[in-house]
Amino acid sequence: MDPAVVGELDARISGSFPQVRSLLVVRHGYLVYERYWHGLDASDGHNSFSVTKSFTSALVGIAMADQRLQSLNQTVGELLGAHLPPNADPRLRRVTVQQLLTMTAGLAGDDSSGAWIGMLQSRDWLRHILSQRLVSKPGTEFAYSSASAHLLSAMVTDATGQSTLDYARAKLFGPLGIATDHALVQPIRTWPPSPAQLQAYEQAPVAWATDPQGYQIGYSWLKLPARDLAKFGYLYLNGGRWDGRQVVPADYVRASTQPQSKPPPSDPADGYGYQWWTTSVASHRSFFAAGFAGQLIQVIPDLDLVVVLTSDIDRERSDAGNLVGETIVPAIVA
């Protein structure tokens, strides 16, 4: 990478993107750029928001390799039947794991009236999700649904007999050297959470909150240091392989990072895989995990590049992801 261009990142971020908390660039397996702002350092964790969905997806793939989940064609009825209320939409029973992964389950999107907030304010999130009428035929339309990702987390827990976090410790975090032994685990029982709960979360370097029934939140609230986010991106850059070990099945990673459904033009990418967005950057195929307020893991395979960006949610701008195409990719010279 051109050191002169990379060196300009500090000034550009300080001047134009004051919301950035951290920026890491991994090229050819080397951490070639790492900076933190607002008094933070490498030990601080970052709320990844919807980047969490990509971690949940990885655990689905791992559970399949473990034969805890048998197929992406398994249904909500098979895997979560015990949670279905008597008046559940019969079509929901036939929704598949793959449809949940690709956001084509037919559930209302997060932008629909009250769909997401209703779940957060309910006493039983799973039962609330499973009591909703579908708004489209499963497998036909894309709708960005955090509820879909939460169902995936519940499936992982019920299929493995472990919490999603415990399963991740054994099968994903452990192999990658991501330390979560002292992770803060607290249930979100009221919405919005209390100031004390938010303060405890803000102070924790590692955390993954649960719903009121103890299921890890599948769509958000995973908090990790930026280097750990970079490890996850590098794992997917290398087809799910880490230090000679196949952590996530290679064919699952391949399918996860290719377009499986078509988001509307208003969404941030032209395709969606298995809880990963797919797009191109300066004519290079790319896939990325994105979270509210500018959280980002972006992978560009043919450049052997991983970029991690975390941002301050209290600041309005969240377009720092443009740095990847405008500054970081042009800095690559060989």
C-alpha atoms as a PDB file:
ATOM      1  CA  MET A   1       0.000   0.000   0.000  1.00  0.00           C
ATOM      2  CA  ASP A   2       1.154   3.521  -0.750  1.00  0.00           C
ATOM      3  CA  PRO A   3       2.356   4.837   2.638  1.00  0.00           C
ATOM      4  CA  ALA A   4       1.788   8.448   1.600  1.00  0.00           C
ATOM      5  CA  VAL A   5      -1.919   7.831   0.918  1.00  0.00           C
ATOM      6  CA  VAL A   6      -2.344   5.724   4.016  1.00  0.00           C
ATOM      7  CA  GLY A   7      -0.731   8.481   6.018  1.00  0.00           C
ATOM      8  CA  GLU A   8      -3.406  10.884   4.829  1.00  0.00           C
ATOM      9  CA  LEU A   9      -6.104   8.837   6.538  1.00  0.00           C
ATOM     10  CA  ASP A  10      -5.366  10.339   9.958  1.00  0.00           C
ATOM     11  CA  ALA A  11      -5.895  13.885   8.730  1.00  0.00           C
ATOM     12  CA  ARG A  12      -8.922  13.019   6.621  1.00  0.00           C
ATOM     13  CA  ILE A  13     -10.690  11.203   9.425  1.00  0.00           C
ATOM     14  CA  SER A  14      -9.938  13.888  11.993  1.00  0.00           C
ATOM     15  CA  GLY A  15     -11.175  16.588   9.649  1.00  0.00           C
ATOM     16  CA  SER A  16     -14.109  14.979   7.877  1.00  0.00           C
ATOM     17  CA  PHE A  17     -15.226  11.985   9.917  1.00  0.00           C
ATOM     18  CA  PRO A  18     -15.177  12.895  13.621  1.00  0.00           C
ATOM     19  CA  GLN A  19     -17.595  10.052  14.383  1.00  0.00           C
ATOM     20  CA  VAL A  20     -14.949   7.374  13.676  1.00  0.00           C
ATOM     21  CA  ARG A  21     -13.814   5.445  16.750  1.00  0.00           C
ATOM     22  CA  SER A  22     -11.398   3.038  15.075  1.00  0.00           C
ATOM     23  CA  LEU A  23     -10.092   2.088  11.640  1.00  0.00           C
ATOM     24  CA  LEU A  24      -8.102  -1.048  10.889  1.00  0.00           C
ATOM     25  CA  VAL A  25      -6.732  -2.175   7.529  1.00  0.00           C
ATOM     26  CA  VAL A  26      -5.457  -5.729   6.985  1.00  0.00           C
ATOM     27  CA  ARG A  27      -3.536  -6.414   3.764  1.00  0.00           C
ATOM     28  CA  HIS A  28      -1.946  -9.773   2.873  1.00  0.00           C
ATOM     29  CA  GLY A  29      -2.574 -10.849   6.467  1.00  0.00           C
ATOM     30  CA  TYR A  30      -0.729  -7.885   7.998  1.00  0.00           C
ATOM     31  CA  LEU A  31      -2.298  -5.152  10.076  1.00  0.00           C
ATOM     32  CA  VAL A  32      -0.963  -2.227   8.041  1.00  0.00           C
ATOM     33  CA  TYR A  33      -3.068   0.519   9.592  1.00  0.00           C
ATOM     34  CA  GLU A  34      -4.610   0.753  13.055  1.00  0.00           C
ATOM     35  CA  ARG A  35      -5.845   3.951  14.637  1.00  0.00           C
ATOM     36  CA  TYR A  36      -8.218   4.832  17.486  1.00  0.00           C
ATOM     37  CA  TRP A  37      -9.867   8.118  18.366  1.00  0.00           C
ATOM     38  CA  HIS A  38     -11.822   9.623  21.291  1.00  0.00           C
ATOM     39  CA  GLY A  39      -9.319   8.282  23.823  1.00  0.00           C
ATOM     40  CA  LEU A  40      -9.866   4.639  22.845  1.00  0.00           C
ATOM     41  CA  ASP A  41      -7.272   1.926  22.265  1.00  0.00           C
ATOM     42  CA  ALA A  42      -7.085  -1.688  21.126  1.00  0.00           C
ATOM     43  CA  SER A  43      -8.528  -3.006  24.402  1.00  0.00           C
ATOM     44  CA  ASP A  44     -11.830  -1.154  24.021  1.00  0.00           C
ATOM     45  CA  GLY A  45     -14.881  -2.947  22.708  1.00  0.00           C
ATOM     46  CA  HIS A  46     -17.316  -1.593  20.148  1.00  0.00           C
ATOM     47  CA  ASN A  47     -21.035  -2.219  19.793  1.00  0.00           C
ATOM     48  CA  SER A  48     -21.152  -3.906  16.401  1.00  0.00           C
ATOM     49  CA  PHE A  49     -24.928  -3.502  16.019  1.00  0.00           C
ATOM     50  CA  SER A  50     -26.050  -5.454  12.933  1.00  0.00           C
ATOM     51  CA  VAL A  51     -22.556  -6.762  12.225  1.00  0.00           C
ATOM     52  CA  THR A  52     -23.723  -9.287  14.843  1.00  0.00           C
ATOM     53  CA  LYS A  53     -25.937 -10.862  12.176  1.00  0.00           C
ATOM     54  CA  SER A  54     -22.881 -12.091  10.271  1.00  0.00           C
ATOM     55  CA  PHE A  55     -21.523 -13.777  13.417  1.00  0.00           C
ATOM     56  CA  THR A  56     -24.886 -15.469  13.947  1.00  0.00           C
ATOM     57  CA  SER A  57     -24.787 -16.661  10.357  1.00  0.00           C
ATOM     58  CA  ALA A  58     -21.323 -18.172  10.882  1.00  0.00           C
ATOM     59  CA  LEU A  59     -22.658 -20.149  13.837  1.00  0.00           C
ATOM     60  CA  VAL A  60     -25.453 -21.540  11.672  1.00  0.00           C
ATOM     61  CA  GLY A  61     -22.833 -22.818   9.225  1.00  0.00           C
ATOM     62  CA  ILE A  62     -20.754 -24.302  12.028  1.00  0.00           C
ATOM     63  CA  ALA A  63     -23.829 -26.002  13.515  1.00  0.00           C
ATOM     64  CA  MET A  64     -24.488 -27.585  10.137  1.00  0.00           C
ATOM     65  CA  ALA A  65     -20.930 -28.909   9.992  1.00  0.00           C
ATOM     66  CA  ASP A  66     -21.485 -30.328  13.493  1.00  0.00           C
ATOM     67  CA  GLN A  67     -24.734 -31.916  12.287  1.00  0.00           C
ATOM     68  CA  ARG A  68     -26.619 -30.073  15.011  1.00  0.00           C
ATOM     69  CA  LEU A  69     -28.540 -28.482  12.152  1.00  0.00           C
ATOM     70  CA  GLN A  70     -29.205 -30.903   9.318  1.00  0.00           C
ATOM     71  CA  SER A  71     -29.953 -28.624   6.396  1.00  0.00           C
ATOM     72  CA  LEU A  72     -30.702 -25.076   5.326  1.00  0.00           C
ATOM     73  CA  ASN A  73     -34.075 -26.463   4.281  1.00  0.00           C
ATOM     74  CA  GLN A  74     -35.070 -27.224   7.856  1.00  0.00           C
ATOM     75  CA  THR A  75     -38.070 -25.182   8.884  1.00  0.00           C
ATOM     76  CA  VAL A  76     -39.225 -22.997  11.723  1.00  0.00           C
ATOM     77  CA  GLY A  77     -41.772 -25.693  12.525  1.00  0.00           C
ATOM     78  CA  GLU A  78     -39.039 -28.308  12.904  1.00  0.00           C
ATOM     79  CA  LEU A  79     -36.582 -26.208  14.875  1.00  0.00           C
ATOM     80  CA  LEU A  80     -38.749 -23.814  16.894  1.00  0.00           C
ATOM     81  CA  GLY A  81     -42.057 -25.657  16.950  1.00  0.00           C
ATOM     82  CA  ALA A  82     -42.182 -25.628  20.740  1.00  0.00           C
ATOM     83  CA  HIS A  83     -42.301 -21.823  20.684  1.00  0.00           C
ATOM     84  CA  LEU A  84     -45.029 -21.455  18.065  1.00  0.00           C
ATOM     85  CA  PRO A  85     -48.300 -20.074  19.449  1.00  0.00           C
ATOM     86  CA  PRO A  86     -51.512 -21.901  18.500  1.00  0.00           C
ATOM     87  CA  ASN A  87     -52.594 -19.097  16.185  1.00  0.00           C
ATOM     88  CA  ALA A  88     -49.279 -18.884  14.285  1.00  0.00           C
ATOM     89  CA  ASP A  89     -49.446 -18.135  10.574  1.00  0.00           C
ATOM     90  CA  PRO A  90     -49.286 -21.637   9.018  1.00  0.00           C
ATOM     91  CA  ARG A  91     -46.880 -20.341   6.364  1.00  0.00           C
ATOM     92  CA  LEU A  92     -44.408 -19.457   9.100  1.00  0.00           C
ATOM     93  CA  ARG A  93     -44.026 -23.124  10.035  1.00  0.00           C
ATOM     94  CA  ARG A  94     -42.640 -23.772   6.554  1.00  0.00           C
ATOM     95  CA  VAL A  95     -40.136 -20.888   6.537  1.00  0.00           C
ATOM     96  CA  THR A  96     -36.636 -22.340   6.079  1.00  0.00           C
ATOM     97  CA  VAL A  97     -33.299 -21.529   7.652  1.00  0.00           C
ATOM     98  CA  GLN A  98     -32.107 -20.375   4.245  1.00  0.00           C
ATOM     99  CA  GLN A  99     -35.007 -17.937   3.918  1.00  0.00           C
ATOM    100  CA  LEU A 100     -34.182 -16.483   7.327  1.00  0.00           C
ATOM    101  CA  LEU A 101     -30.520 -16.134   6.317  1.00  0.00           C
ATOM    102  CA  THR A 102     -31.377 -14.338   3.071  1.00  0.00           C
ATOM    103  CA  MET A 103     -34.058 -12.048   4.561  1.00  0.00           C
ATOM    104  CA  THR A 104     -36.771 -13.622   2.409  1.00  0.00           C
ATOM    105  CA  ALA A 105     -38.801 -15.283   5.164  1.00  0.00           C
ATOM    106  CA  GLY A 106     -41.832 -13.057   4.570  1.00  0.00           C
ATOM    107  CA  LEU A 107     -41.548 -11.358   7.966  1.00  0.00           C
ATOM    108  CA  ALA A 108     -42.124  -7.617   8.117  1.00  0.00           C
ATOM    109  CA  GLY A 109     -38.956  -5.566   7.756  1.00  0.00           C
ATOM    110  CA  ASP A 110     -37.496  -3.401  10.490  1.00  0.00           C
ATOM    111  CA  ASP A 111     -38.900  -0.316   8.772  1.00  0.00           C
ATOM    112  CA  SER A 112     -42.481  -1.601   8.953  1.00  0.00           C
ATOM    113  CA  SER A 113     -44.835   0.044  11.378  1.00  0.00           C
ATOM    114  CA  GLY A 114     -44.070  -1.192  14.883  1.00  0.00           C
ATOM    115  CA  ALA A 115     -42.645  -4.583  13.794  1.00  0.00           C
ATOM    116  CA  TRP A 116     -39.273  -4.226  15.469  1.00  0.00           C
ATOM    117  CA  ILE A 117     -40.274  -2.062  18.431  1.00  0.00           C
ATOM    118  CA  GLY A 118     -43.145  -4.424  19.199  1.00  0.00           C
ATOM    119  CA  MET A 119     -40.675  -7.268  19.630  1.00  0.00           C
ATOM    120  CA  LEU A 120     -38.426  -5.208  21.903  1.00  0.00           C
ATOM    121  CA  GLN A 121     -41.331  -4.208  24.116  1.00  0.00           C
ATOM    122  CA  SER A 122     -42.737  -7.726  24.427  1.00  0.00           C
ATOM    123  CA  ARG A 123     -41.988 -10.062  27.327  1.00  0.00           C
ATOM    124  CA  ASP A 124     -41.189 -13.010  25.050  1.00  0.00           C
ATOM    125  CA  TRP A 125     -39.412 -12.015  21.854  1.00  0.00           C
ATOM    126  CA  LEU A 126     -39.593 -15.401  20.158  1.00  0.00           C
ATOM    127  CA  ARG A 127     -43.286 -15.811  20.808  1.00  0.00           C
ATOM    128  CA  HIS A 128     -43.897 -12.277  19.580  1.00  0.00           C
ATOM    129  CA  ILE A 129     -42.006 -12.903  16.324  1.00  0.00           C
ATOM    130  CA  LEU A 130     -43.714 -16.243  15.792  1.00  0.00           C
ATOM    131  CA  SER A 131     -47.155 -14.738  16.343  1.00  0.00           C
ATOM    132  CA  GLN A 132     -46.799 -12.275  13.460  1.00  0.00           C
ATOM    133  CA  ARG A 133     -48.586 -12.663  10.148  1.00  0.00           C
ATOM    134  CA  LEU A 134     -46.229 -12.875   7.208  1.00  0.00           C
ATOM    135  CA  VAL A 135     -46.384  -9.912   4.834  1.00  0.00           C
ATOM    136  CA  SER A 136     -45.194 -11.794   1.744  1.00  0.00           C
ATOM    137  CA  LYS A 137     -44.852 -15.334   0.474  1.00  0.00           C
ATOM    138  CA  PRO A 138     -41.662 -16.914   1.886  1.00  0.00           C
ATOM    139  CA  GLY A 139     -38.806 -16.982  -0.583  1.00  0.00           C
ATOM    140  CA  THR A 140     -40.152 -14.232  -2.844  1.00  0.00           C
ATOM    141  CA  GLU A 141     -39.284 -10.793  -1.421  1.00  0.00           C
ATOM    142  CA  PHE A 142     -36.360  -9.274   0.471  1.00  0.00           C
ATOM    143  CA  ALA A 143     -37.176  -7.433   3.704  1.00  0.00           C
ATOM    144  CA  TYR A 144     -34.413  -6.532   6.139  1.00  0.00           C
ATOM    145  CA  SER A 145     -35.641  -8.184   9.318  1.00  0.00           C
ATOM    146  CA  SER A 146     -33.726  -8.256  12.590  1.00  0.00           C
ATOM    147  CA  ALA A 147     -36.340 -10.683  13.854  1.00  0.00           C
ATOM    148  CA  SER A 148     -35.112 -13.216  11.273  1.00  0.00           C
ATOM    149  CA  ALA A 149     -31.595 -13.086  12.710  1.00  0.00           C
ATOM    150  CA  HIS A 150     -32.937 -13.505  16.236  1.00  0.00           C
ATOM    151  CA  LEU A 151     -34.780 -16.658  15.180  1.00  0.00           C
ATOM    152  CA  LEU A 152     -31.469 -17.987  13.833  1.00  0.00           C
ATOM    153  CA  SER A 153     -29.815 -17.434  17.212  1.00  0.00           C
ATOM    154  CA  ALA A 154     -32.639 -19.315  18.932  1.00  0.00           C
ATOM    155  CA  MET A 155     -32.254 -22.156  16.431  1.00  0.00           C
ATOM    156  CA  VAL A 156     -28.536 -22.413  17.192  1.00  0.00           C
ATOM    157  CA  THR A 157     -29.228 -22.516  20.928  1.00  0.00           C
ATOM    158  CA  ASP A 158     -32.028 -25.078  20.748  1.00  0.00           C
ATOM    159  CA  ALA A 159     -30.159 -27.293  18.267  1.00  0.00           C
ATOM    160  CA  THR A 160     -26.857 -27.302  20.165  1.00  0.00           C
ATOM    161  CA  GLY A 161     -28.154 -27.259  23.735  1.00  0.00           C
ATOM    162  CA  GLN A 162     -25.829 -24.327  24.477  1.00  0.00           C
ATOM    163  CA  SER A 163     -26.310 -20.592  24.505  1.00  0.00           C
ATOM    164  CA  THR A 164     -25.273 -18.954  21.266  1.00  0.00           C
ATOM    165  CA  LEU A 165     -22.381 -17.336  23.148  1.00  0.00           C
ATOM    166  CA  ASP A 166     -21.183 -20.614  24.678  1.00  0.00           C
ATOM    167  CA  TYR A 167     -21.358 -22.319  21.297  1.00  0.00           C
ATOM    168  CA  ALA A 168     -19.436 -19.413  19.749  1.00  0.00           C
ATOM    169  CA  ARG A 169     -16.791 -19.674  22.468  1.00  0.00           C
ATOM    170  CA  ALA A 170     -16.198 -23.324  21.663  1.00  0.00           C
ATOM    171  CA  LYS A 171     -16.478 -23.216  17.880  1.00  0.00           C
ATOM    172  CA  LEU A 172     -15.717 -19.684  16.667  1.00  0.00           C
ATOM    173  CA  PHE A 173     -14.298 -17.303  19.254  1.00  0.00           C
ATOM    174  CA  GLY A 174     -11.975 -19.887  20.780  1.00  0.00           C
ATOM    175  CA  PRO A 175     -10.293 -20.917  17.510  1.00  0.00           C
ATOM    176  CA  LEU A 176      -9.833 -17.255  16.535  1.00  0.00           C
ATOM    177  CA  GLY A 177      -8.345 -16.301  19.894  1.00  0.00           C
ATOM    178  CA  ILE A 178     -11.233 -13.966  20.719  1.00  0.00           C
ATOM    179  CA  ALA A 179     -11.395 -13.732  24.506  1.00  0.00           C
ATOM    180  CA  THR A 180     -14.968 -13.797  25.810  1.00  0.00           C
ATOM    181  CA  ASP A 181     -14.602 -15.569  29.163  1.00  0.00           C
ATOM    182  CA  HIS A 182     -15.537 -12.391  31.015  1.00  0.00           C
ATOM    183  CA  ALA A 183     -18.121 -11.127  28.555  1.00  0.00           C
ATOM    184  CA  LEU A 184     -20.979  -9.156  30.021  1.00  0.00           C
ATOM    185  CA  VAL A 185     -24.209 -11.082  29.477  1.00  0.00           C
ATOM    186  CA  GLN A 186     -27.331  -9.234  30.533  1.00  0.00           C
ATOM    187  CA  PRO A 187     -30.949  -9.667  29.453  1.00  0.00           C
ATOM    188  CA  ILE A 188     -32.792  -6.802  27.779  1.00  0.00           C
ATOM    189  CA  ARG A 189     -36.120  -6.975  29.654  1.00  0.00           C
ATOM    190  CA  THR A 190     -37.315  -3.409  29.110  1.00  0.00           C
ATOM    191  CA  TRP A 191     -37.092  -1.070  26.168  1.00  0.00           C
ATOM    192  CA  PRO A 192     -35.323   1.223  26.208  1.00  0.00           C
ATOM    193  CA  PRO A 193     -32.829  -0.370  28.618  1.00  0.00           C
ATOM    194  CA  SER A 194     -32.214   1.415  31.890  1.00  0.00           C
ATOM    195  CA  PRO A 195     -29.391   3.981  32.141  1.00  0.00           C
ATOM    196  CA  ALA A 196     -27.543   1.649  34.532  1.00  0.00           C
ATOM    197  CA  GLN A 197     -27.744  -1.211  32.062  1.00  0.00           C
ATOM    198  CA  LEU A 198     -26.522   0.954  29.219  1.00  0.00           C
ATOM    199  CA  GLN A 199     -23.654   2.244  31.344  1.00  0.00           C
ATOM    200  CA  ALA A 200     -22.573  -1.287  32.242  1.00  0.00           C
ATOM    201  CA  TYR A 201     -22.677  -2.229  28.577  1.00  0.00           C
ATOM    202  CA  GLU A 202     -20.673   0.829  27.563  1.00  0.00           C
ATOM    203  CA  GLN A 203     -17.966   0.030  30.097  1.00  0.00           C
ATOM    204  CA  ALA A 204     -17.631  -3.648  29.149  1.00  0.00           C
ATOM    205  CA  PRO A 205     -14.921  -4.465  26.572  1.00  0.00           C
ATOM    206  CA  VAL A 206     -16.806  -7.614  25.512  1.00  0.00           C
ATOM    207  CA  ALA A 207     -20.544  -8.254  25.772  1.00  0.00           C
ATOM    208  CA  TRP A 208     -23.459 -10.030  24.144  1.00  0.00           C
ATOM    209  CA  ALA A 209     -26.880  -9.277  25.544  1.00  0.00           C
ATOM    210  CA  THR A 210     -29.829 -11.659  25.586  1.00  0.00           C
ATOM    211  CA  ASP A 211     -33.585 -11.395  25.203  1.00  0.00           C
ATOM    212  CA  PRO A 212     -35.819 -11.854  28.288  1.00  0.00           C
ATOM    213  CA  GLN A 213     -35.744 -15.661  27.876  1.00  0.00           C
ATOM    214  CA  GLY A 214     -31.945 -15.786  27.745  1.00  0.00           C
ATOM    215  CA  TYR A 215     -31.416 -16.205  23.992  1.00  0.00           C
ATOM    216  CA  GLN A 216     -28.431 -14.230  22.721  1.00  0.00           C
ATOM    217  CA  ILE A 217     -29.675 -11.391  20.550  1.00  0.00           C
ATOM    218  CA  GLY A 218     -29.009 -12.658  17.056  1.00  0.00           C
ATOM    219  CA  TYR A 219     -29.112  -9.333  15.251  1.00  0.00           C
ATOM    220  CA  SER A 220     -27.192  -6.931  17.516  1.00  0.00           C
ATOM    221  CA  TRP A 221     -25.608  -6.160  20.891  1.00  0.00           C
ATOM    222  CA  LEU A 222     -22.414  -8.154  20.299  1.00  0.00           C
ATOM    223  CA  LYS A 223     -19.544  -6.006  21.528  1.00  0.00           C
ATOM    224  CA  LEU A 224     -15.928  -6.820  20.644  1.00  0.00           C
ATOM    225  CA  PRO A 225     -12.608  -4.994  20.208  1.00  0.00           C
ATOM    226  CA  ALA A 226     -11.883  -3.897  16.646  1.00  0.00           C
ATOM    227  CA  ARG A 227      -9.051  -6.399  16.238  1.00  0.00           C
ATOM    228  CA  ASP A 228     -11.508  -9.225  16.898  1.00  0.00           C
ATOM    229  CA  LEU A 229     -13.814  -7.857  14.219  1.00  0.00           C
ATOM    230  CA  ALA A 230     -10.807  -7.868  11.892  1.00  0.00           C
ATOM    231  CA  LYS A 231     -10.101 -11.511  12.748  1.00  0.00           C
ATOM    232  CA  PHE A 232     -13.641 -12.411  11.750  1.00  0.00           C
ATOM    233  CA  GLY A 233     -13.308 -10.569   8.443  1.00  0.00           C
ATOM    234  CA  TYR A 234      -9.976 -12.283   7.789  1.00  0.00           C
ATOM    235  CA  LEU A 235     -11.571 -15.666   8.538  1.00  0.00           C
ATOM    236  CA  TYR A 236     -14.121 -15.053   5.778  1.00  0.00           C
ATOM    237  CA  LEU A 237     -11.471 -13.659   3.421  1.00  0.00           C
ATOM    238  CA  ASN A 238      -9.783 -17.048   3.756  1.00  0.00           C
ATOM    239  CA  GLY A 239     -12.882 -19.104   3.116  1.00  0.00           C
ATOM    240  CA  GLY A 240     -13.583 -19.882   6.781  1.00  0.00           C
ATOM    241  CA  ARG A 241     -10.081 -21.214   7.461  1.00  0.00           C
ATOM    242  CA  TRP A 242      -7.934 -20.020  10.374  1.00  0.00           C
ATOM    243  CA  ASP A 243      -4.435 -21.184  11.290  1.00  0.00           C
ATOM    244  CA  GLY A 244      -4.822 -24.417   9.342  1.00  0.00           C
ATOM    245  CA  ARG A 245      -8.264 -25.209  10.742  1.00  0.00           C
ATOM    246  CA  GLN A 246     -11.552 -25.045   8.850  1.00  0.00           C
ATOM    247  CA  VAL A 247     -13.658 -23.102  11.345  1.00  0.00           C
ATOM    248  CA  VAL A 248     -16.643 -22.321   9.097  1.00  0.00           C
ATOM    249  CA  PRO A 249     -17.343 -24.688   6.169  1.00  0.00           C
ATOM    250  CA  ALA A 250     -15.791 -23.338   2.965  1.00  0.00           C
ATOM    251  CA  ASP A 251     -18.897 -23.953   0.847  1.00  0.00           C
ATOM    252  CA  TYR A 252     -21.034 -22.171   3.423  1.00  0.00           C
ATOM    253  CA  VAL A 253     -18.693 -19.146   3.425  1.00  0.00           C
ATOM    254  CA  ARG A 254     -18.779 -19.114  -0.362  1.00  0.00           C
ATOM    255  CA  ALA A 255     -22.578 -19.158  -0.436  1.00  0.00           C
ATOM    256  CA  SER A 256     -22.782 -16.605   2.388  1.00  0.00           C
ATOM    257  CA  THR A 257     -20.760 -14.042   0.473  1.00  0.00           C
ATOM    258  CA  GLN A 258     -22.491 -14.354  -2.897  1.00  0.00           C
ATOM    259  CA  PRO A 259     -25.848 -12.766  -3.779  1.00  0.00           C
ATOM    260  CA  GLN A 260     -28.694 -14.991  -2.649  1.00  0.00           C
ATOM    261  CA  SER A 261     -31.432 -12.354  -2.641  1.00  0.00           C
ATOM    262  CA  LYS A 262     -31.992  -8.905  -4.118  1.00  0.00           C
ATOM    263  CA  PRO A 263     -32.376  -5.911  -1.787  1.00  0.00           C
ATOM    264  CA  PRO A 264     -34.284  -2.848  -2.985  1.00  0.00           C
ATOM    265  CA  PRO A 265     -32.305   0.084  -4.432  1.00  0.00           C
ATOM    266  CA  SER A 266     -32.618   1.987  -1.154  1.00  0.00           C
ATOM    267  CA  ASP A 267     -30.443  -0.571   0.654  1.00  0.00           C
ATOM    268  CA  PRO A 268     -26.639  -0.212   0.863  1.00  0.00           C
ATOM    269  CA  ALA A 269     -25.692  -3.016  -1.558  1.00  0.00           C
ATOM    270  CA  ASP A 270     -26.848  -4.743  -4.713  1.00  0.00           C
ATOM    271  CA  GLY A 271     -27.055  -8.215  -3.205  1.00  0.00           C
ATOM    272  CA  TYR A 272     -27.477 -10.105   0.054  1.00  0.00           C
ATOM    273  CA  GLY A 273     -25.988 -13.475   0.970  1.00  0.00           C
ATOM    274  CA  TYR A 274     -26.358 -15.275   4.291  1.00  0.00           C
ATOM    275  CA  GLN A 275     -26.428 -12.233   6.605  1.00  0.00           C
ATOM    276  CA  TRP A 276     -23.671 -10.546   4.549  1.00  0.00           C
ATOM    277  CA  TRP A 277     -24.167  -7.741   2.033  1.00  0.00           C
ATOM    278  CA  THR A 278     -22.568  -8.136  -1.409  1.00  0.00           C
ATOM    279  CA  THR A 279     -21.434  -5.335  -3.694  1.00  0.00           C
ATOM    280  CA  SER A 280     -18.458  -4.050  -5.683  1.00  0.00           C
ATOM    281  CA  VAL A 281     -15.920  -1.386  -4.748  1.00  0.00           C
ATOM    282  CA  ALA A 282     -14.011   0.297  -7.568  1.00  0.00           C
ATOM    283  CA  SER A 283     -14.878  -2.678  -9.792  1.00  0.00           C
ATOM    284  CA  HIS A 284     -13.690  -5.194  -7.179  1.00  0.00           C
ATOM    285  CA  ARG A 285     -16.141  -7.786  -5.851  1.00  0.00           C
ATOM    286  CA  SER A 286     -16.712  -7.222  -2.168  1.00  0.00           C
ATOM    287  CA  PHE A 287     -18.840  -8.373   0.721  1.00  0.00           C
ATOM    288  CA  PHE A 288     -19.416  -6.644   4.017  1.00  0.00           C
ATOM    289  CA  ALA A 289     -21.115  -6.759   7.396  1.00  0.00           C
ATOM    290  CA  ALA A 290     -22.671  -3.440   8.354  1.00  0.00           C
ATOM    291  CA  GLY A 291     -24.158  -2.063  11.549  1.00  0.00           C
ATOM    292  CA  PHE A 292     -26.047   1.032  12.608  1.00  0.00           C
ATOM    293  CA  ALA A 293     -24.114   4.319  12.703  1.00  0.00           C
ATOM    294  CA  GLY A 294     -21.259   3.137  10.519  1.00  0.00           C
ATOM    295  CA  GLN A 295     -19.973  -0.144  11.969  1.00  0.00           C
ATOM    296  CA  LEU A 296     -18.290  -2.089   9.161  1.00  0.00           C
ATOM    297  CA  ILE A 297     -16.291  -5.178   8.263  1.00  0.00           C
ATOM    298  CA  GLN A 298     -15.525  -4.981   4.533  1.00  0.00           C
ATOM    299  CA  VAL A 299     -13.706  -7.722   2.624  1.00  0.00           C
ATOM    300  CA  ILE A 300     -12.324  -7.363  -0.912  1.00  0.00           C
ATOM    301  CA  PRO A 301     -10.991 -10.819  -1.836  1.00  0.00           C
ATOM    302  CA  ASP A 302      -8.989 -10.054  -4.987  1.00  0.00           C
ATOM    303  CA  LEU A 303      -7.120  -7.299  -3.140  1.00  0.00           C
ATOM    304  CA  ASP A 304      -6.543  -9.558  -0.114  1.00  0.00           C
ATOM    305  CA  LEU A 305      -8.013  -6.738   1.955  1.00  0.00           C
ATOM    306  CA  VAL A 306     -10.063  -6.437   5.137  1.00  0.00           C
ATOM    307  CA  VAL A 307     -11.195  -3.086   6.531  1.00  0.00           C
ATOM    308  CA  VAL A 308     -12.821  -2.606   9.944  1.00  0.00           C
ATOM    309  CA  LEU A 309     -14.502   0.623  10.916  1.00  0.00           C
ATOM    310  CA  THR A 310     -16.292   1.472  14.138  1.00  0.00           C
ATOM    311  CA  SER A 311     -18.132   4.708  14.759  1.00  0.00           C
ATOM    312  CA  ASP A 312     -19.630   6.761  17.559  1.00  0.00           C
ATOM    313  CA  ILE A 313     -23.410   6.374  17.596  1.00  0.00           C
ATOM    314  CA  ASP A 314     -23.882   9.792  19.204  1.00  0.00           C
ATOM    315  CA  ARG A 315     -22.714  11.624  16.093  1.00  0.00           C
ATOM    316  CA  GLU A 316     -25.005  12.147  13.125  1.00  0.00           C
ATOM    317  CA  ARG A 317     -22.800  11.231  10.168  1.00  0.00           C
ATOM    318  CA  SER A 318     -22.268   7.564   9.323  1.00  0.00           C
ATOM    319  CA  ASP A 319     -20.775   7.715   5.817  1.00  0.00           C
ATOM    320  CA  ALA A 320     -17.170   7.004   6.797  1.00  0.00           C
ATOM    321  CA  GLY A 321     -17.477   3.698   4.950  1.00  0.00           C
ATOM    322  CA  ASN A 322     -16.837   5.739   1.798  1.00  0.00           C
ATOM    323  CA  LEU A 323     -13.197   5.785   2.898  1.00  0.00           C
ATOM    324  CA  VAL A 324     -12.825   2.227   1.617  1.00  0.00           C
ATOM    325  CA  GLY A 325     -13.508   3.075  -2.016  1.00  0.00           C
ATOM    326  CA  GLU A 326     -12.266   6.660  -1.971  1.00  0.00           C
ATOM    327  CA  THR A 327      -8.981   6.343  -0.056  1.00  0.00           C
ATOM    328  CA  ILE A 328      -8.043   2.827   1.014  1.00  0.00           C
ATOM    329  CA  VAL A 329      -8.503   0.972  -2.276  1.00  0.00           C
ATOM    330  CA  PRO A 330      -6.674   3.700  -4.276  1.00  0.00           C
ATOM    331  CA  ALA A 331      -3.751   3.352  -1.823  1.00  0.00           C
ATOM    332  CA  ILE A 332      -3.169  -0.232  -2.997  1.00  0.00           C
ATOM    333  CA  VAL A 333      -0.246  -0.284  -5.399  1.00  0.00           C
ATOM    334  CA  ALA A 334       0.761  -3.953  -5.534  1.00  0.00           C
END
